[in-house]
């Protein structure tokens, strides 16, 4: 099966993701022989408000040109569907990366850990400089390739702050439970710090190979392994 974008044929290779947001395919550009990711949304029967929110993801992605954020190429509407053409992120998501270490009963080497966190922070800095709050930062939305290069993906529930506002509000829970900021859960009023809370949860999981939420309700926060990591890492969780 093929999809045409401005007279260019893209052959669907395989489905690489699916969720409430729609489907993501790996596609081949028949002209330049390069592979891309194509996100497909069904908009048939959807309200104008829902369609506007779907298209907002493409608008937000188009604002970025950063090595640690998935690259946007194009978006278009065709036959009751809306498509976003993006860079194909080779490798695996950070959730699978963490699982591999956990299954081996090995902690992530500090040098690799630092490199991953540094790149995630650079991607977040770019988002916040453009006044974008991701709102769903989690290991599944961060890809890592064989060279340990990071790409932040999935801006489906991201929020753009008004130029003169430092806070925004949501009437619905946005984000994933293990990584969602308390202020979003409690009163729905939040700012850039919501992403920083999610970042802290991700760092905790990278260090301990265990989710922060599970250890935060009934137990003390785990201490880092000082035989492998610099003790200064612990200051992030104190």
C-alpha atoms as a PDB file:
ATOM      1  CA  UNK A   1       0.000   0.000   0.000  1.00  0.00           C
ATOM      2  CA  UNK A   2       1.196   3.513  -0.801  1.00  0.00           C
ATOM      3  CA  UNK A   3       0.287   7.042   0.251  1.00  0.00           C
ATOM      4  CA  UNK A   4       0.933  10.088  -1.932  1.00  0.00           C
ATOM      5  CA  UNK A   5       2.225  13.363  -0.490  1.00  0.00           C
ATOM      6  CA  UNK A   6       2.411  16.172  -3.032  1.00  0.00           C
ATOM      7  CA  UNK A   7       2.729  13.639  -5.877  1.00  0.00           C
ATOM      8  CA  UNK A   8       5.499  11.728  -4.082  1.00  0.00           C
ATOM      9  CA  UNK A   9       4.777   8.069  -3.400  1.00  0.00           C
ATOM     10  CA  UNK A  10       5.452   6.683   0.081  1.00  0.00           C
ATOM     11  CA  UNK A  11       5.273   2.922   0.379  1.00  0.00           C
ATOM     12  CA  UNK A  12       4.132   1.576   3.768  1.00  0.00           C
ATOM     13  CA  UNK A  13       6.774  -0.840   5.062  1.00  0.00           C
ATOM     14  CA  UNK A  14       5.261  -1.749   8.427  1.00  0.00           C
ATOM     15  CA  UNK A  15       3.309  -0.429  11.382  1.00  0.00           C
ATOM     16  CA  UNK A  16       5.653   0.632  14.186  1.00  0.00           C
ATOM     17  CA  UNK A  17       3.223   2.099  16.711  1.00  0.00           C
ATOM     18  CA  UNK A  18      -0.434   2.366  17.635  1.00  0.00           C
ATOM     19  CA  UNK A  19      -2.491   3.936  20.394  1.00  0.00           C
ATOM     20  CA  UNK A  20      -5.395   6.226  21.138  1.00  0.00           C
ATOM     21  CA  UNK A  21      -3.664   8.864  19.011  1.00  0.00           C
ATOM     22  CA  UNK A  22      -3.712   6.765  15.830  1.00  0.00           C
ATOM     23  CA  UNK A  23      -1.098   4.699  14.015  1.00  0.00           C
ATOM     24  CA  UNK A  24       2.551   5.210  13.074  1.00  0.00           C
ATOM     25  CA  UNK A  25       4.058   3.569   9.995  1.00  0.00           C
ATOM     26  CA  UNK A  26       7.546   3.196   8.621  1.00  0.00           C
ATOM     27  CA  UNK A  27       7.332   4.379   5.024  1.00  0.00           C
ATOM     28  CA  UNK A  28       9.722   4.473   2.080  1.00  0.00           C
ATOM     29  CA  UNK A  29       9.953   7.509  -0.176  1.00  0.00           C
ATOM     30  CA  UNK A  30       9.988   5.913  -3.641  1.00  0.00           C
ATOM     31  CA  UNK A  31      11.870   8.903  -5.104  1.00  0.00           C
ATOM     32  CA  UNK A  32      14.820   9.319  -2.730  1.00  0.00           C
ATOM     33  CA  UNK A  33      14.719   5.769  -1.268  1.00  0.00           C
ATOM     34  CA  UNK A  34      14.776   7.126   2.294  1.00  0.00           C
ATOM     35  CA  UNK A  35      12.687   5.834   5.204  1.00  0.00           C
ATOM     36  CA  UNK A  36      10.427   8.049   7.316  1.00  0.00           C
ATOM     37  CA  UNK A  37       7.820   7.757  10.073  1.00  0.00           C
ATOM     38  CA  UNK A  38       4.258   8.590   9.073  1.00  0.00           C
ATOM     39  CA  UNK A  39       1.690   9.259  11.792  1.00  0.00           C
ATOM     40  CA  UNK A  40      -1.912   8.701  10.717  1.00  0.00           C
ATOM     41  CA  UNK A  41      -5.010  10.066  12.455  1.00  0.00           C
ATOM     42  CA  UNK A  42      -8.593   9.255  11.517  1.00  0.00           C
ATOM     43  CA  UNK A  43     -10.598  12.495  11.659  1.00  0.00           C
ATOM     44  CA  UNK A  44     -13.873  11.215  10.223  1.00  0.00           C
ATOM     45  CA  UNK A  45     -16.743  12.232  12.486  1.00  0.00           C
ATOM     46  CA  UNK A  46     -14.458  14.131  14.872  1.00  0.00           C
ATOM     47  CA  UNK A  47     -15.407  17.563  16.199  1.00  0.00           C
ATOM     48  CA  UNK A  48     -13.676  20.699  14.980  1.00  0.00           C
ATOM     49  CA  UNK A  49     -12.046  21.036  18.399  1.00  0.00           C
ATOM     50  CA  UNK A  50     -10.607  17.504  18.244  1.00  0.00           C
ATOM     51  CA  UNK A  51      -9.318  18.005  14.701  1.00  0.00           C
ATOM     52  CA  UNK A  52      -7.706  21.268  15.744  1.00  0.00           C
ATOM     53  CA  UNK A  53      -5.921  19.486  18.608  1.00  0.00           C
ATOM     54  CA  UNK A  54      -4.710  16.740  16.277  1.00  0.00           C
ATOM     55  CA  UNK A  55      -3.313  19.305  13.835  1.00  0.00           C
ATOM     56  CA  UNK A  56      -1.698  21.204  16.718  1.00  0.00           C
ATOM     57  CA  UNK A  57       0.866  18.405  17.090  1.00  0.00           C
ATOM     58  CA  UNK A  58       2.137  19.091  13.560  1.00  0.00           C
ATOM     59  CA  UNK A  59       2.241  22.828  14.259  1.00  0.00           C
ATOM     60  CA  UNK A  60       4.282  22.293  17.422  1.00  0.00           C
ATOM     61  CA  UNK A  61       6.699  19.840  15.765  1.00  0.00           C
ATOM     62  CA  UNK A  62       7.303  22.281  12.916  1.00  0.00           C
ATOM     63  CA  UNK A  63       8.772  24.782  15.395  1.00  0.00           C
ATOM     64  CA  UNK A  64      11.766  22.555  16.187  1.00  0.00           C
ATOM     65  CA  UNK A  65      15.054  21.939  14.434  1.00  0.00           C
ATOM     66  CA  UNK A  66      17.069  20.194  17.116  1.00  0.00           C
ATOM     67  CA  UNK A  67      19.127  17.008  17.080  1.00  0.00           C
ATOM     68  CA  UNK A  68      17.366  15.616  20.178  1.00  0.00           C
ATOM     69  CA  UNK A  69      13.786  16.182  18.969  1.00  0.00           C
ATOM     70  CA  UNK A  70      12.205  14.144  16.189  1.00  0.00           C
ATOM     71  CA  UNK A  71      12.345  16.109  12.944  1.00  0.00           C
ATOM     72  CA  UNK A  72       9.144  17.261  11.236  1.00  0.00           C
ATOM     73  CA  UNK A  73       8.921  17.182   7.439  1.00  0.00           C
ATOM     74  CA  UNK A  74       5.322  17.677   6.356  1.00  0.00           C
ATOM     75  CA  UNK A  75       1.652  17.287   7.267  1.00  0.00           C
ATOM     76  CA  UNK A  76      -1.485  16.978   5.161  1.00  0.00           C
ATOM     77  CA  UNK A  77      -5.128  15.949   5.162  1.00  0.00           C
ATOM     78  CA  UNK A  78      -6.487  13.336   2.782  1.00  0.00           C
ATOM     79  CA  UNK A  79      -9.714  11.278   2.685  1.00  0.00           C
ATOM     80  CA  UNK A  80     -10.821  11.830   6.294  1.00  0.00           C
ATOM     81  CA  UNK A  81      -7.318  11.269   7.604  1.00  0.00           C
ATOM     82  CA  UNK A  82      -4.567  13.581   8.804  1.00  0.00           C
ATOM     83  CA  UNK A  83      -0.908  12.666   8.390  1.00  0.00           C
ATOM     84  CA  UNK A  84       2.370  13.888   9.887  1.00  0.00           C
ATOM     85  CA  UNK A  85       5.594  12.938   8.085  1.00  0.00           C
ATOM     86  CA  UNK A  86       8.574  12.765  10.441  1.00  0.00           C
ATOM     87  CA  UNK A  87      12.080  11.485  10.864  1.00  0.00           C
ATOM     88  CA  UNK A  88      12.248   7.735  11.466  1.00  0.00           C
ATOM     89  CA  UNK A  89      13.847   7.131  14.862  1.00  0.00           C
ATOM     90  CA  UNK A  90      16.003   4.045  14.547  1.00  0.00           C
ATOM     91  CA  UNK A  91      16.814   2.030  17.629  1.00  0.00           C
ATOM     92  CA  UNK A  92      14.548   1.445  20.625  1.00  0.00           C
ATOM     93  CA  UNK A  93      12.659   3.507  23.139  1.00  0.00           C
ATOM     94  CA  UNK A  94      14.202   4.188  26.519  1.00  0.00           C
ATOM     95  CA  UNK A  95      11.710   1.891  28.244  1.00  0.00           C
ATOM     96  CA  UNK A  96      13.035  -1.116  26.300  1.00  0.00           C
ATOM     97  CA  UNK A  97      16.603   0.100  26.861  1.00  0.00           C
ATOM     98  CA  UNK A  98      16.036   0.113  30.634  1.00  0.00           C
ATOM     99  CA  UNK A  99      14.361  -3.307  30.501  1.00  0.00           C
ATOM    100  CA  UNK A 100      17.414  -4.829  28.819  1.00  0.00           C
ATOM    101  CA  UNK A 101      19.663  -3.691  31.668  1.00  0.00           C
ATOM    102  CA  UNK A 102      17.147  -4.853  34.256  1.00  0.00           C
ATOM    103  CA  UNK A 103      16.941  -8.314  32.687  1.00  0.00           C
ATOM    104  CA  UNK A 104      20.748  -8.541  32.753  1.00  0.00           C
ATOM    105  CA  UNK A 105      20.773  -7.351  36.400  1.00  0.00           C
ATOM    106  CA  UNK A 106      23.243  -4.653  35.407  1.00  0.00           C
ATOM    107  CA  UNK A 107      23.095  -0.943  36.154  1.00  0.00           C
ATOM    108  CA  UNK A 108      23.683   1.524  33.326  1.00  0.00           C
ATOM    109  CA  UNK A 109      27.294   2.717  33.169  1.00  0.00           C
ATOM    110  CA  UNK A 110      27.713   6.260  34.468  1.00  0.00           C
ATOM    111  CA  UNK A 111      29.249   7.557  31.233  1.00  0.00           C
ATOM    112  CA  UNK A 112      26.283   6.282  29.205  1.00  0.00           C
ATOM    113  CA  UNK A 113      23.849   7.533  31.842  1.00  0.00           C
ATOM    114  CA  UNK A 114      25.316  11.033  31.766  1.00  0.00           C
ATOM    115  CA  UNK A 115      25.239  11.153  27.954  1.00  0.00           C
ATOM    116  CA  UNK A 116      21.570  10.112  27.840  1.00  0.00           C
ATOM    117  CA  UNK A 117      20.460  12.599  30.497  1.00  0.00           C
ATOM    118  CA  UNK A 118      22.461  15.434  28.924  1.00  0.00           C
ATOM    119  CA  UNK A 119      20.733  14.919  25.571  1.00  0.00           C
ATOM    120  CA  UNK A 120      17.259  14.697  27.133  1.00  0.00           C
ATOM    121  CA  UNK A 121      17.948  17.973  28.951  1.00  0.00           C
ATOM    122  CA  UNK A 122      19.086  19.623  25.721  1.00  0.00           C
ATOM    123  CA  UNK A 123      15.868  18.544  24.023  1.00  0.00           C
ATOM    124  CA  UNK A 124      13.759  19.852  26.916  1.00  0.00           C
ATOM    125  CA  UNK A 125      15.677  23.145  26.889  1.00  0.00           C
ATOM    126  CA  UNK A 126      14.816  23.575  23.204  1.00  0.00           C
ATOM    127  CA  UNK A 127      11.129  22.882  23.903  1.00  0.00           C
ATOM    128  CA  UNK A 128      10.966  25.327  26.774  1.00  0.00           C
ATOM    129  CA  UNK A 129      12.843  27.985  24.813  1.00  0.00           C
ATOM    130  CA  UNK A 130      10.042  27.703  22.243  1.00  0.00           C
ATOM    131  CA  UNK A 131       7.477  27.921  25.082  1.00  0.00           C
ATOM    132  CA  UNK A 132       6.350  24.312  24.619  1.00  0.00           C
ATOM    133  CA  UNK A 133       5.536  21.989  27.526  1.00  0.00           C
ATOM    134  CA  UNK A 134       5.656  18.345  26.453  1.00  0.00           C
ATOM    135  CA  UNK A 135       3.374  17.052  29.286  1.00  0.00           C
ATOM    136  CA  UNK A 136       4.030  13.383  28.481  1.00  0.00           C
ATOM    137  CA  UNK A 137       7.749  12.864  28.947  1.00  0.00           C
ATOM    138  CA  UNK A 138       8.383   9.195  29.716  1.00  0.00           C
ATOM    139  CA  UNK A 139      10.831   6.483  28.580  1.00  0.00           C
ATOM    140  CA  UNK A 140       8.403   5.281  25.867  1.00  0.00           C
ATOM    141  CA  UNK A 141       8.539   8.744  24.258  1.00  0.00           C
ATOM    142  CA  UNK A 142      12.329   8.926  24.147  1.00  0.00           C
ATOM    143  CA  UNK A 143      14.234   6.945  21.512  1.00  0.00           C
ATOM    144  CA  UNK A 144      17.866   5.884  21.678  1.00  0.00           C
ATOM    145  CA  UNK A 145      19.881   4.473  18.782  1.00  0.00           C
ATOM    146  CA  UNK A 146      22.951   2.237  18.748  1.00  0.00           C
ATOM    147  CA  UNK A 147      25.206   5.299  19.168  1.00  0.00           C
ATOM    148  CA  UNK A 148      23.227   6.345  22.277  1.00  0.00           C
ATOM    149  CA  UNK A 149      21.780   9.348  20.432  1.00  0.00           C
ATOM    150  CA  UNK A 150      18.478  10.568  21.869  1.00  0.00           C
ATOM    151  CA  UNK A 151      15.275  11.702  20.144  1.00  0.00           C
ATOM    152  CA  UNK A 152      12.209  12.993  22.025  1.00  0.00           C
ATOM    153  CA  UNK A 153       8.962  12.054  20.263  1.00  0.00           C
ATOM    154  CA  UNK A 154       5.156  12.218  20.594  1.00  0.00           C
ATOM    155  CA  UNK A 155       3.974  15.796  21.084  1.00  0.00           C
ATOM    156  CA  UNK A 156       0.337  14.764  20.913  1.00  0.00           C
ATOM    157  CA  UNK A 157      -0.667  16.385  24.218  1.00  0.00           C
ATOM    158  CA  UNK A 158       1.985  19.100  24.287  1.00  0.00           C
ATOM    159  CA  UNK A 159       0.947  22.596  25.286  1.00  0.00           C
ATOM    160  CA  UNK A 160       2.118  25.930  23.938  1.00  0.00           C
ATOM    161  CA  UNK A 161       2.209  28.716  26.494  1.00  0.00           C
ATOM    162  CA  UNK A 162       0.964  32.161  25.609  1.00  0.00           C
ATOM    163  CA  UNK A 163       3.840  34.602  25.165  1.00  0.00           C
ATOM    164  CA  UNK A 164       2.828  36.516  28.308  1.00  0.00           C
ATOM    165  CA  UNK A 165       1.743  33.595  30.495  1.00  0.00           C
ATOM    166  CA  UNK A 166       3.956  31.518  32.763  1.00  0.00           C
ATOM    167  CA  UNK A 167       1.240  29.032  33.803  1.00  0.00           C
ATOM    168  CA  UNK A 168      -1.527  27.149  32.054  1.00  0.00           C
ATOM    169  CA  UNK A 169      -4.419  24.957  33.156  1.00  0.00           C
ATOM    170  CA  UNK A 170      -5.984  21.697  32.083  1.00  0.00           C
ATOM    171  CA  UNK A 171      -9.330  20.219  33.056  1.00  0.00           C
ATOM    172  CA  UNK A 172      -8.147  16.722  32.206  1.00  0.00           C
ATOM    173  CA  UNK A 173      -5.294  14.551  33.417  1.00  0.00           C
ATOM    174  CA  UNK A 174      -2.481  14.864  30.887  1.00  0.00           C
ATOM    175  CA  UNK A 175       0.474  12.500  30.889  1.00  0.00           C
ATOM    176  CA  UNK A 176       1.313   9.057  32.241  1.00  0.00           C
ATOM    177  CA  UNK A 177       0.731   8.244  35.895  1.00  0.00           C
ATOM    178  CA  UNK A 178       4.295   7.239  36.778  1.00  0.00           C
ATOM    179  CA  UNK A 179       5.713  10.480  35.384  1.00  0.00           C
ATOM    180  CA  UNK A 180       2.936  13.049  35.752  1.00  0.00           C
ATOM    181  CA  UNK A 181       3.607  16.106  37.913  1.00  0.00           C
ATOM    182  CA  UNK A 182       1.596  16.353  41.180  1.00  0.00           C
ATOM    183  CA  UNK A 183       0.309  19.826  40.299  1.00  0.00           C
ATOM    184  CA  UNK A 184      -1.416  18.462  37.192  1.00  0.00           C
ATOM    185  CA  UNK A 185      -3.042  15.696  39.228  1.00  0.00           C
ATOM    186  CA  UNK A 186      -4.071  18.004  42.074  1.00  0.00           C
ATOM    187  CA  UNK A 187      -5.375  21.180  40.462  1.00  0.00           C
ATOM    188  CA  UNK A 188      -4.483  21.155  36.780  1.00  0.00           C
ATOM    189  CA  UNK A 189      -2.415  24.364  37.011  1.00  0.00           C
ATOM    190  CA  UNK A 190       1.155  23.892  35.849  1.00  0.00           C
ATOM    191  CA  UNK A 191       4.122  25.335  33.967  1.00  0.00           C
ATOM    192  CA  UNK A 192       7.498  24.136  32.644  1.00  0.00           C
ATOM    193  CA  UNK A 193       8.273  22.514  35.999  1.00  0.00           C
ATOM    194  CA  UNK A 194       5.831  19.729  35.087  1.00  0.00           C
ATOM    195  CA  UNK A 195       8.319  18.504  32.478  1.00  0.00           C
ATOM    196  CA  UNK A 196      11.141  18.771  35.008  1.00  0.00           C
ATOM    197  CA  UNK A 197       9.257  16.519  37.425  1.00  0.00           C
ATOM    198  CA  UNK A 198       8.874  13.964  34.624  1.00  0.00           C
ATOM    199  CA  UNK A 199      12.585  14.301  33.876  1.00  0.00           C
ATOM    200  CA  UNK A 200      13.404  13.555  37.526  1.00  0.00           C
ATOM    201  CA  UNK A 201      11.281  10.388  37.379  1.00  0.00           C
ATOM    202  CA  UNK A 202      13.069   9.302  34.209  1.00  0.00           C
ATOM    203  CA  UNK A 203      16.516   9.921  35.727  1.00  0.00           C
ATOM    204  CA  UNK A 204      15.515   7.963  38.821  1.00  0.00           C
ATOM    205  CA  UNK A 205      14.438   5.035  36.659  1.00  0.00           C
ATOM    206  CA  UNK A 206      17.640   5.161  34.609  1.00  0.00           C
ATOM    207  CA  UNK A 207      19.713   4.985  37.795  1.00  0.00           C
ATOM    208  CA  UNK A 208      17.692   2.394  39.724  1.00  0.00           C
ATOM    209  CA  UNK A 209      15.992   0.511  36.847  1.00  0.00           C
ATOM    210  CA  UNK A 210      12.806   0.967  38.849  1.00  0.00           C
ATOM    211  CA  UNK A 211      10.007   3.521  38.681  1.00  0.00           C
ATOM    212  CA  UNK A 212      10.090   6.404  41.159  1.00  0.00           C
ATOM    213  CA  UNK A 213       6.356   6.334  41.828  1.00  0.00           C
ATOM    214  CA  UNK A 214       6.460   2.788  43.191  1.00  0.00           C
ATOM    215  CA  UNK A 215       9.088   3.722  45.748  1.00  0.00           C
ATOM    216  CA  UNK A 216       7.736   7.127  46.654  1.00  0.00           C
ATOM    217  CA  UNK A 217       4.393   6.282  48.269  1.00  0.00           C
ATOM    218  CA  UNK A 218       5.291   3.780  50.980  1.00  0.00           C
ATOM    219  CA  UNK A 219       9.089   3.619  50.991  1.00  0.00           C
ATOM    220  CA  UNK A 220      12.062   5.913  51.241  1.00  0.00           C
ATOM    221  CA  UNK A 221      13.689   7.012  48.003  1.00  0.00           C
ATOM    222  CA  UNK A 222      16.371   4.499  47.097  1.00  0.00           C
ATOM    223  CA  UNK A 223      20.004   5.414  47.622  1.00  0.00           C
ATOM    224  CA  UNK A 224      22.260   5.272  44.593  1.00  0.00           C
ATOM    225  CA  UNK A 225      25.017   2.691  44.259  1.00  0.00           C
ATOM    226  CA  UNK A 226      28.069   4.778  45.126  1.00  0.00           C
ATOM    227  CA  UNK A 227      30.395   2.040  43.880  1.00  0.00           C
ATOM    228  CA  UNK A 228      29.174   2.797  40.355  1.00  0.00           C
ATOM    229  CA  UNK A 229      27.895   6.378  40.490  1.00  0.00           C
ATOM    230  CA  UNK A 230      29.182   9.682  41.798  1.00  0.00           C
ATOM    231  CA  UNK A 231      27.351  10.378  45.112  1.00  0.00           C
ATOM    232  CA  UNK A 232      26.344  13.804  43.765  1.00  0.00           C
ATOM    233  CA  UNK A 233      23.634  12.058  41.733  1.00  0.00           C
ATOM    234  CA  UNK A 234      21.752  11.508  44.991  1.00  0.00           C
ATOM    235  CA  UNK A 235      21.216  15.272  45.337  1.00  0.00           C
ATOM    236  CA  UNK A 236      18.747  15.083  42.442  1.00  0.00           C
ATOM    237  CA  UNK A 237      16.330  13.120  44.624  1.00  0.00           C
ATOM    238  CA  UNK A 238      16.839  14.730  48.037  1.00  0.00           C
END
